Amino acid sequence: AADPSYRANPEVIKYVLRGFITTPSYNGDLA
């Protein structure tokens, strides 16, 4: 919200994706 360029930041994507693929069950918020 403060800096839209973070929307395409690889670190942001990787952190969220790592959480999405490692949670014990499907996490709708991360997805």
PDB file of all heavy atoms in Angstrom:
ATOM      1  N   ALA A   1       0.829  -1.211   0.000  1.00  0.00           N
ATOM      2  CA  ALA A   1       0.000   0.000   0.000  1.00  0.00           C
ATOM      3  C   ALA A   1       0.860   1.257   0.000  1.00  0.00           C
ATOM      4  O   ALA A   1       0.526   2.258  -0.629  1.00  0.00           O
ATOM      5  CB  ALA A   1      -0.931  -0.018   1.213  1.00  0.00           C
ATOM      6  N   ALA A   2       1.985   1.207   0.729  1.00  0.00           N
ATOM      7  CA  ALA A   2       2.866   2.371   0.791  1.00  0.00           C
ATOM      8  C   ALA A   2       3.760   2.478  -0.438  1.00  0.00           C
ATOM      9  O   ALA A   2       4.124   3.587  -0.861  1.00  0.00           O
ATOM     10  CB  ALA A   2       3.727   2.312   2.057  1.00  0.00           C
ATOM     11  N   ASP A   3       4.114   1.332  -1.025  1.00  0.00           N
ATOM     12  CA  ASP A   3       4.985   1.321  -2.202  1.00  0.00           C
ATOM     13  C   ASP A   3       4.575   0.149  -3.090  1.00  0.00           C
ATOM     14  O   ASP A   3       4.977  -0.992  -2.850  1.00  0.00           O
ATOM     15  CB  ASP A   3       6.448   1.185  -1.772  1.00  0.00           C
ATOM     16  CG  ASP A   3       7.408   1.213  -2.960  1.00  0.00           C
ATOM     17  OD1 ASP A   3       6.941   1.296  -4.114  1.00  0.00           O
ATOM     18  OD2 ASP A   3       8.633   1.150  -2.732  1.00  0.00           O
ATOM     19  N   PRO A   4       3.756   0.406  -4.124  1.00  0.00           N
ATOM     20  CA  PRO A   4       3.246  -0.686  -4.964  1.00  0.00           C
ATOM     21  C   PRO A   4       4.325  -1.521  -5.643  1.00  0.00           C
ATOM     22  O   PRO A   4       4.033  -2.633  -6.098  1.00  0.00           O
ATOM     23  CB  PRO A   4       2.386   0.053  -6.001  1.00  0.00           C
ATOM     24  CG  PRO A   4       1.993   1.337  -5.330  1.00  0.00           C
ATOM     25  CD  PRO A   4       3.169   1.715  -4.483  1.00  0.00           C
ATOM     26  N   SER A   5       5.559  -1.031  -5.690  1.00  0.00           N
ATOM     27  CA  SER A   5       6.604  -1.824  -6.340  1.00  0.00           C
ATOM     28  C   SER A   5       6.880  -3.125  -5.584  1.00  0.00           C
ATOM     29  O   SER A   5       7.422  -4.078  -6.156  1.00  0.00           O
ATOM     30  CB  SER A   5       7.897  -1.008  -6.444  1.00  0.00           C
ATOM     31  OG  SER A   5       8.449  -0.754  -5.164  1.00  0.00           O
ATOM     32  N   TYR A   6       6.500  -3.178  -4.294  1.00  0.00           N
ATOM     33  CA  TYR A   6       6.698  -4.417  -3.538  1.00  0.00           C
ATOM     34  C   TYR A   6       5.785  -5.531  -4.042  1.00  0.00           C
ATOM     35  O   TYR A   6       5.999  -6.695  -3.713  1.00  0.00           O
ATOM     36  CB  TYR A   6       6.433  -4.174  -2.046  1.00  0.00           C
ATOM     37  CG  TYR A   6       7.617  -3.590  -1.319  1.00  0.00           C
ATOM     38  CD1 TYR A   6       7.619  -2.271  -0.916  1.00  0.00           C
ATOM     39  CD2 TYR A   6       8.741  -4.370  -1.053  1.00  0.00           C
ATOM     40  CE1 TYR A   6       8.717  -1.720  -0.252  1.00  0.00           C
ATOM     41  CE2 TYR A   6       9.836  -3.841  -0.388  1.00  0.00           C
ATOM     42  CZ  TYR A   6       9.819  -2.522   0.009  1.00  0.00           C
ATOM     43  OH  TYR A   6      10.909  -1.989   0.664  1.00  0.00           O
ATOM     44  N   ARG A   7       4.779  -5.191  -4.842  1.00  0.00           N
ATOM     45  CA  ARG A   7       3.889  -6.216  -5.388  1.00  0.00           C
ATOM     46  C   ARG A   7       4.658  -7.205  -6.265  1.00  0.00           C
ATOM     47  O   ARG A   7       4.295  -8.381  -6.347  1.00  0.00           O
ATOM     48  CB  ARG A   7       2.762  -5.549  -6.177  1.00  0.00           C
ATOM     49  CG  ARG A   7       1.744  -6.522  -6.738  1.00  0.00           C
ATOM     50  CD  ARG A   7       0.548  -5.810  -7.345  1.00  0.00           C
ATOM     51  NE  ARG A   7      -0.370  -5.354  -6.310  1.00  0.00           N
ATOM     52  CZ  ARG A   7      -0.586  -4.084  -5.999  1.00  0.00           C
ATOM     53  NH1 ARG A   7       0.072  -3.121  -6.635  1.00  0.00           N
ATOM     54  NH2 ARG A   7      -1.447  -3.763  -5.051  1.00  0.00           N
ATOM     55  N   ALA A   8       5.707  -6.734  -6.911  1.00  0.00           N
ATOM     56  CA  ALA A   8       6.506  -7.604  -7.780  1.00  0.00           C
ATOM     57  C   ALA A   8       7.849  -7.947  -7.148  1.00  0.00           C
ATOM     58  O   ALA A   8       8.738  -8.467  -7.833  1.00  0.00           O
ATOM     59  CB  ALA A   8       6.728  -6.919  -9.132  1.00  0.00           C
ATOM     60  N   ASN A   9       8.001  -7.690  -5.867  1.00  0.00           N
ATOM     61  CA  ASN A   9       9.276  -7.964  -5.195  1.00  0.00           C
ATOM     62  C   ASN A   9       9.467  -9.475  -5.041  1.00  0.00           C
ATOM     63  O   ASN A   9       8.624 -10.149  -4.435  1.00  0.00           O
ATOM     64  CB  ASN A   9       9.275  -7.282  -3.817  1.00  0.00           C
ATOM     65  CG  ASN A   9      10.610  -7.423  -3.112  1.00  0.00           C
ATOM     66  OD1 ASN A   9      10.966  -8.496  -2.671  1.00  0.00           O
ATOM     67  ND2 ASN A   9      11.333  -6.322  -3.002  1.00  0.00           N
ATOM     68  N   PRO A  10      10.554 -10.023  -5.574  1.00  0.00           N
ATOM     69  CA  PRO A  10      10.748 -11.480  -5.503  1.00  0.00           C
ATOM     70  C   PRO A  10      10.782 -12.015  -4.081  1.00  0.00           C
ATOM     71  O   PRO A  10      10.316 -13.118  -3.825  1.00  0.00           O
ATOM     72  CB  PRO A  10      12.093 -11.691  -6.211  1.00  0.00           C
ATOM     73  CG  PRO A  10      12.269 -10.485  -7.078  1.00  0.00           C
ATOM     74  CD  PRO A  10      11.629  -9.359  -6.342  1.00  0.00           C
ATOM     75  N   GLU A  11      11.343 -11.235  -3.138  1.00  0.00           N
ATOM     76  CA  GLU A  11      11.404 -11.708  -1.754  1.00  0.00           C
ATOM     77  C   GLU A  11      10.011 -11.863  -1.161  1.00  0.00           C
ATOM     78  O   GLU A  11       9.723 -12.839  -0.462  1.00  0.00           O
ATOM     79  CB  GLU A  11      12.232 -10.748  -0.905  1.00  0.00           C
ATOM     80  CG  GLU A  11      13.731 -10.891  -1.067  1.00  0.00           C
ATOM     81  CD  GLU A  11      14.474 -10.147   0.023  1.00  0.00           C
ATOM     82  OE1 GLU A  11      14.714  -8.935  -0.156  1.00  0.00           O
ATOM     83  OE2 GLU A  11      14.799 -10.768   1.054  1.00  0.00           O
ATOM     84  N   VAL A  12       9.139 -10.897  -1.431  1.00  0.00           N
ATOM     85  CA  VAL A  12       7.763 -10.992  -0.937  1.00  0.00           C
ATOM     86  C   VAL A  12       7.104 -12.250  -1.488  1.00  0.00           C
ATOM     87  O   VAL A  12       6.484 -13.034  -0.751  1.00  0.00           O
ATOM     88  CB  VAL A  12       6.954  -9.740  -1.331  1.00  0.00           C
ATOM     89  CG1 VAL A  12       5.481  -9.922  -1.004  1.00  0.00           C
ATOM     90  CG2 VAL A  12       7.492  -8.504  -0.606  1.00  0.00           C
ATOM     91  N   ILE A  13       7.246 -12.462  -2.773  1.00  0.00           N
ATOM     92  CA  ILE A  13       6.610 -13.621  -3.410  1.00  0.00           C
ATOM     93  C   ILE A  13       7.162 -14.920  -2.842  1.00  0.00           C
ATOM     94  O   ILE A  13       6.415 -15.859  -2.523  1.00  0.00           O
ATOM     95  CB  ILE A  13       6.799 -13.569  -4.937  1.00  0.00           C
ATOM     96  CG1 ILE A  13       6.160 -12.286  -5.508  1.00  0.00           C
ATOM     97  CG2 ILE A  13       6.194 -14.796  -5.604  1.00  0.00           C
ATOM     98  CD1 ILE A  13       6.460 -12.063  -6.974  1.00  0.00           C
ATOM     99  N   LYS A  14       8.483 -14.998  -2.674  1.00  0.00           N
ATOM    100  CA  LYS A  14       9.096 -16.235  -2.192  1.00  0.00           C
ATOM    101  C   LYS A  14       8.688 -16.540  -0.757  1.00  0.00           C
ATOM    102  O   LYS A  14       8.434 -17.701  -0.410  1.00  0.00           O
ATOM    103  CB  LYS A  14      10.615 -16.133  -2.306  1.00  0.00           C
ATOM    104  CG  LYS A  14      11.129 -16.203  -3.743  1.00  0.00           C
ATOM    105  CD  LYS A  14      12.636 -16.068  -3.789  1.00  0.00           C
ATOM    106  CE  LYS A  14      13.163 -16.125  -5.218  1.00  0.00           C
ATOM    107  NZ  LYS A  14      14.638 -15.957  -5.269  1.00  0.00           N
ATOM    108  N   TYR A  15       8.641 -15.502   0.098  1.00  0.00           N
ATOM    109  CA  TYR A  15       8.245 -15.738   1.492  1.00  0.00           C
ATOM    110  C   TYR A  15       6.813 -16.274   1.563  1.00  0.00           C
ATOM    111  O   TYR A  15       6.525 -17.231   2.282  1.00  0.00           O
ATOM    112  CB  TYR A  15       8.360 -14.449   2.309  1.00  0.00           C
ATOM    113  CG  TYR A  15       9.724 -14.247   2.927  1.00  0.00           C
ATOM    114  CD1 TYR A  15      10.672 -13.428   2.333  1.00  0.00           C
ATOM    115  CD2 TYR A  15      10.056 -14.872   4.126  1.00  0.00           C
ATOM    116  CE1 TYR A  15      11.925 -13.236   2.902  1.00  0.00           C
ATOM    117  CE2 TYR A  15      11.303 -14.692   4.709  1.00  0.00           C
ATOM    118  CZ  TYR A  15      12.239 -13.870   4.090  1.00  0.00           C
ATOM    119  OH  TYR A  15      13.460 -13.687   4.663  1.00  0.00           O
ATOM    120  N   VAL A  16       5.907 -15.651   0.811  1.00  0.00           N
ATOM    121  CA  VAL A  16       4.507 -16.074   0.859  1.00  0.00           C
ATOM    122  C   VAL A  16       4.345 -17.454   0.222  1.00  0.00           C
ATOM    123  O   VAL A  16       3.613 -18.309   0.735  1.00  0.00           O
ATOM    124  CB  VAL A  16       3.602 -15.044   0.164  1.00  0.00           C
ATOM    125  CG1 VAL A  16       2.144 -15.493   0.205  1.00  0.00           C
ATOM    126  CG2 VAL A  16       3.731 -13.676   0.838  1.00  0.00           C
ATOM    127  N   LEU A  17       5.034 -17.688  -0.875  1.00  0.00           N
ATOM    128  CA  LEU A  17       4.936 -18.984  -1.546  1.00  0.00           C
ATOM    129  C   LEU A  17       5.488 -20.097  -0.657  1.00  0.00           C
ATOM    130  O   LEU A  17       4.909 -21.192  -0.581  1.00  0.00           O
ATOM    131  CB  LEU A  17       5.694 -18.951  -2.871  1.00  0.00           C
ATOM    132  CG  LEU A  17       5.695 -20.259  -3.677  1.00  0.00           C
ATOM    133  CD1 LEU A  17       4.278 -20.657  -4.054  1.00  0.00           C
ATOM    134  CD2 LEU A  17       6.563 -20.133  -4.917  1.00  0.00           C
ATOM    135  N   ARG A  18       6.582 -19.816   0.044  1.00  0.00           N
ATOM    136  CA  ARG A  18       7.150 -20.826   0.932  1.00  0.00           C
ATOM    137  C   ARG A  18       6.143 -21.207   2.017  1.00  0.00           C
ATOM    138  O   ARG A  18       5.991 -22.380   2.361  1.00  0.00           O
ATOM    139  CB  ARG A  18       8.438 -20.302   1.558  1.00  0.00           C
ATOM    140  CG  ARG A  18       9.202 -21.369   2.356  1.00  0.00           C
ATOM    141  CD  ARG A  18      10.488 -20.808   2.945  1.00  0.00           C
ATOM    142  NE  ARG A  18      11.365 -20.321   1.903  1.00  0.00           N
ATOM    143  CZ  ARG A  18      11.817 -19.077   1.825  1.00  0.00           C
ATOM    144  NH1 ARG A  18      11.446 -18.183   2.722  1.00  0.00           N
ATOM    145  NH2 ARG A  18      12.613 -18.710   0.851  1.00  0.00           N
ATOM    146  N   GLY A  19       5.457 -20.197   2.544  1.00  0.00           N
ATOM    147  CA  GLY A  19       4.420 -20.497   3.524  1.00  0.00           C
ATOM    148  C   GLY A  19       3.280 -21.300   2.914  1.00  0.00           C
ATOM    149  O   GLY A  19       2.790 -22.266   3.508  1.00  0.00           O
ATOM    150  N   PHE A  20       2.876 -20.934   1.702  1.00  0.00           N
ATOM    151  CA  PHE A  20       1.741 -21.592   1.050  1.00  0.00           C
ATOM    152  C   PHE A  20       2.010 -23.071   0.795  1.00  0.00           C
ATOM    153  O   PHE A  20       1.132 -23.916   0.978  1.00  0.00           O
ATOM    154  CB  PHE A  20       1.427 -20.884  -0.267  1.00  0.00           C
ATOM    155  CG  PHE A  20       0.430 -21.606  -1.121  1.00  0.00           C
ATOM    156  CD1 PHE A  20      -0.906 -21.650  -0.760  1.00  0.00           C
ATOM    157  CD2 PHE A  20       0.831 -22.262  -2.277  1.00  0.00           C
ATOM    158  CE1 PHE A  20      -1.829 -22.341  -1.545  1.00  0.00           C
ATOM    159  CE2 PHE A  20      -0.081 -22.945  -3.056  1.00  0.00           C
ATOM    160  CZ  PHE A  20      -1.420 -22.978  -2.686  1.00  0.00           C
ATOM    161  N   ILE A  21       3.238 -23.405   0.396  1.00  0.00           N
ATOM    162  CA  ILE A  21       3.511 -24.794   0.023  1.00  0.00           C
ATOM    163  C   ILE A  21       3.941 -25.645   1.209  1.00  0.00           C
ATOM    164  O   ILE A  21       4.037 -26.869   1.078  1.00  0.00           O
ATOM    165  CB  ILE A  21       4.587 -24.882  -1.085  1.00  0.00           C
ATOM    166  CG1 ILE A  21       5.932 -24.337  -0.577  1.00  0.00           C
ATOM    167  CG2 ILE A  21       4.129 -24.168  -2.330  1.00  0.00           C
ATOM    168  CD1 ILE A  21       7.056 -24.467  -1.587  1.00  0.00           C
ATOM    169  N   THR A  22       4.196 -25.015   2.385  1.00  0.00           N
ATOM    170  CA  THR A  22       4.674 -25.801   3.528  1.00  0.00           C
ATOM    171  C   THR A  22       3.660 -25.925   4.656  1.00  0.00           C
ATOM    172  O   THR A  22       3.886 -26.703   5.583  1.00  0.00           O
ATOM    173  CB  THR A  22       5.966 -25.181   4.110  1.00  0.00           C
ATOM    174  OG1 THR A  22       5.718 -23.818   4.483  1.00  0.00           O
ATOM    175  CG2 THR A  22       7.091 -25.233   3.108  1.00  0.00           C
ATOM    176  N   THR A  23       2.565 -25.188   4.608  1.00  0.00           N
ATOM    177  CA  THR A  23       1.561 -25.334   5.661  1.00  0.00           C
ATOM    178  C   THR A  23       0.958 -26.740   5.595  1.00  0.00           C
ATOM    179  O   THR A  23       0.809 -27.307   4.506  1.00  0.00           O
ATOM    180  CB  THR A  23       0.442 -24.295   5.515  1.00  0.00           C
ATOM    181  OG1 THR A  23      -0.039 -24.288   4.163  1.00  0.00           O
ATOM    182  CG2 THR A  23       0.947 -22.907   5.856  1.00  0.00           C
ATOM    183  N   PRO A  24       0.608 -27.303   6.776  1.00  0.00           N
ATOM    184  CA  PRO A  24       0.087 -28.681   6.784  1.00  0.00           C
ATOM    185  C   PRO A  24      -1.148 -28.854   5.905  1.00  0.00           C
ATOM    186  O   PRO A  24      -1.351 -29.896   5.305  1.00  0.00           O
ATOM    187  CB  PRO A  24      -0.247 -28.925   8.263  1.00  0.00           C
ATOM    188  CG  PRO A  24       0.625 -27.975   9.012  1.00  0.00           C
ATOM    189  CD  PRO A  24       0.730 -26.763   8.137  1.00  0.00           C
ATOM    190  N   SER A  25      -1.986 -27.834   5.832  1.00  0.00           N
ATOM    191  CA  SER A  25      -3.176 -27.902   4.996  1.00  0.00           C
ATOM    192  C   SER A  25      -3.269 -26.627   4.160  1.00  0.00           C
ATOM    193  O   SER A  25      -2.514 -25.667   4.369  1.00  0.00           O
ATOM    194  CB  SER A  25      -4.439 -28.060   5.858  1.00  0.00           C
ATOM    195  OG  SER A  25      -4.541 -27.009   6.789  1.00  0.00           O
ATOM    196  N   TYR A  26      -4.158 -26.630   3.210  1.00  0.00           N
ATOM    197  CA  TYR A  26      -4.300 -25.510   2.287  1.00  0.00           C
ATOM    198  C   TYR A  26      -4.651 -24.237   3.057  1.00  0.00           C
ATOM    199  O   TYR A  26      -5.596 -24.209   3.847  1.00  0.00           O
ATOM    200  CB  TYR A  26      -5.397 -25.824   1.267  1.00  0.00           C
ATOM    201  CG  TYR A  26      -5.615 -24.753   0.223  1.00  0.00           C
ATOM    202  CD1 TYR A  26      -4.835 -24.718  -0.922  1.00  0.00           C
ATOM    203  CD2 TYR A  26      -6.602 -23.793   0.376  1.00  0.00           C
ATOM    204  CE1 TYR A  26      -5.040 -23.747  -1.898  1.00  0.00           C
ATOM    205  CE2 TYR A  26      -6.812 -22.818  -0.585  1.00  0.00           C
ATOM    206  CZ  TYR A  26      -6.036 -22.804  -1.723  1.00  0.00           C
ATOM    207  OH  TYR A  26      -6.233 -21.834  -2.674  1.00  0.00           O
ATOM    208  N   ASN A  27      -3.874 -23.177   2.845  1.00  0.00           N
ATOM    209  CA  ASN A  27      -4.105 -21.906   3.526  1.00  0.00           C
ATOM    210  C   ASN A  27      -4.692 -20.912   2.527  1.00  0.00           C
ATOM    211  O   ASN A  27      -3.987 -20.408   1.645  1.00  0.00           O
ATOM    212  CB  ASN A  27      -2.796 -21.378   4.128  1.00  0.00           C
ATOM    213  CG  ASN A  27      -3.017 -20.162   5.012  1.00  0.00           C
ATOM    214  OD1 ASN A  27      -3.587 -19.161   4.583  1.00  0.00           O
ATOM    215  ND2 ASN A  27      -2.560 -20.238   6.247  1.00  0.00           N
ATOM    216  N   GLY A  28      -5.979 -20.637   2.663  1.00  0.00           N
ATOM    217  CA  GLY A  28      -6.653 -19.755   1.718  1.00  0.00           C
ATOM    218  C   GLY A  28      -6.148 -18.328   1.750  1.00  0.00           C
ATOM    219  O   GLY A  28      -6.132 -17.642   0.712  1.00  0.00           O
ATOM    220  N   ASP A  29      -5.717 -17.837   2.924  1.00  0.00           N
ATOM    221  CA  ASP A  29      -5.220 -16.464   3.016  1.00  0.00           C
ATOM    222  C   ASP A  29      -3.936 -16.287   2.218  1.00  0.00           C
ATOM    223  O   ASP A  29      -3.769 -15.294   1.491  1.00  0.00           O
ATOM    224  CB  ASP A  29      -4.973 -16.089   4.486  1.00  0.00           C
ATOM    225  CG  ASP A  29      -6.257 -15.982   5.279  1.00  0.00           C
ATOM    226  OD1 ASP A  29      -7.313 -15.749   4.656  1.00  0.00           O
ATOM    227  OD2 ASP A  29      -6.214 -16.138   6.510  1.00  0.00           O
ATOM    228  N   LEU A  30      -3.026 -17.253   2.338  1.00  0.00           N
ATOM    229  CA  LEU A  30      -1.773 -17.174   1.581  1.00  0.00           C
ATOM    230  C   LEU A  30      -2.039 -17.296   0.083  1.00  0.00           C
ATOM    231  O   LEU A  30      -1.445 -16.575  -0.731  1.00  0.00           O
ATOM    232  CB  LEU A  30      -0.819 -18.273   2.041  1.00  0.00           C
ATOM    233  CG  LEU A  30      -0.327 -18.185   3.493  1.00  0.00           C
ATOM    234  CD1 LEU A  30       0.441 -19.438   3.869  1.00  0.00           C
ATOM    235  CD2 LEU A  30       0.543 -16.959   3.704  1.00  0.00           C
ATOM    236  N   ALA A  31      -2.933 -18.218  -0.278  1.00  0.00           N
ATOM    237  CA  ALA A  31      -3.254 -18.408  -1.692  1.00  0.00           C
ATOM    238  C   ALA A  31      -3.897 -17.149  -2.276  1.00  0.00           C
ATOM    239  O   ALA A  31      -3.565 -16.719  -3.391  1.00  0.00           O
ATOM    240  CB  ALA A  31      -4.177 -19.606  -1.865  1.00  0.00           C
TER     241      ALA A  31
END
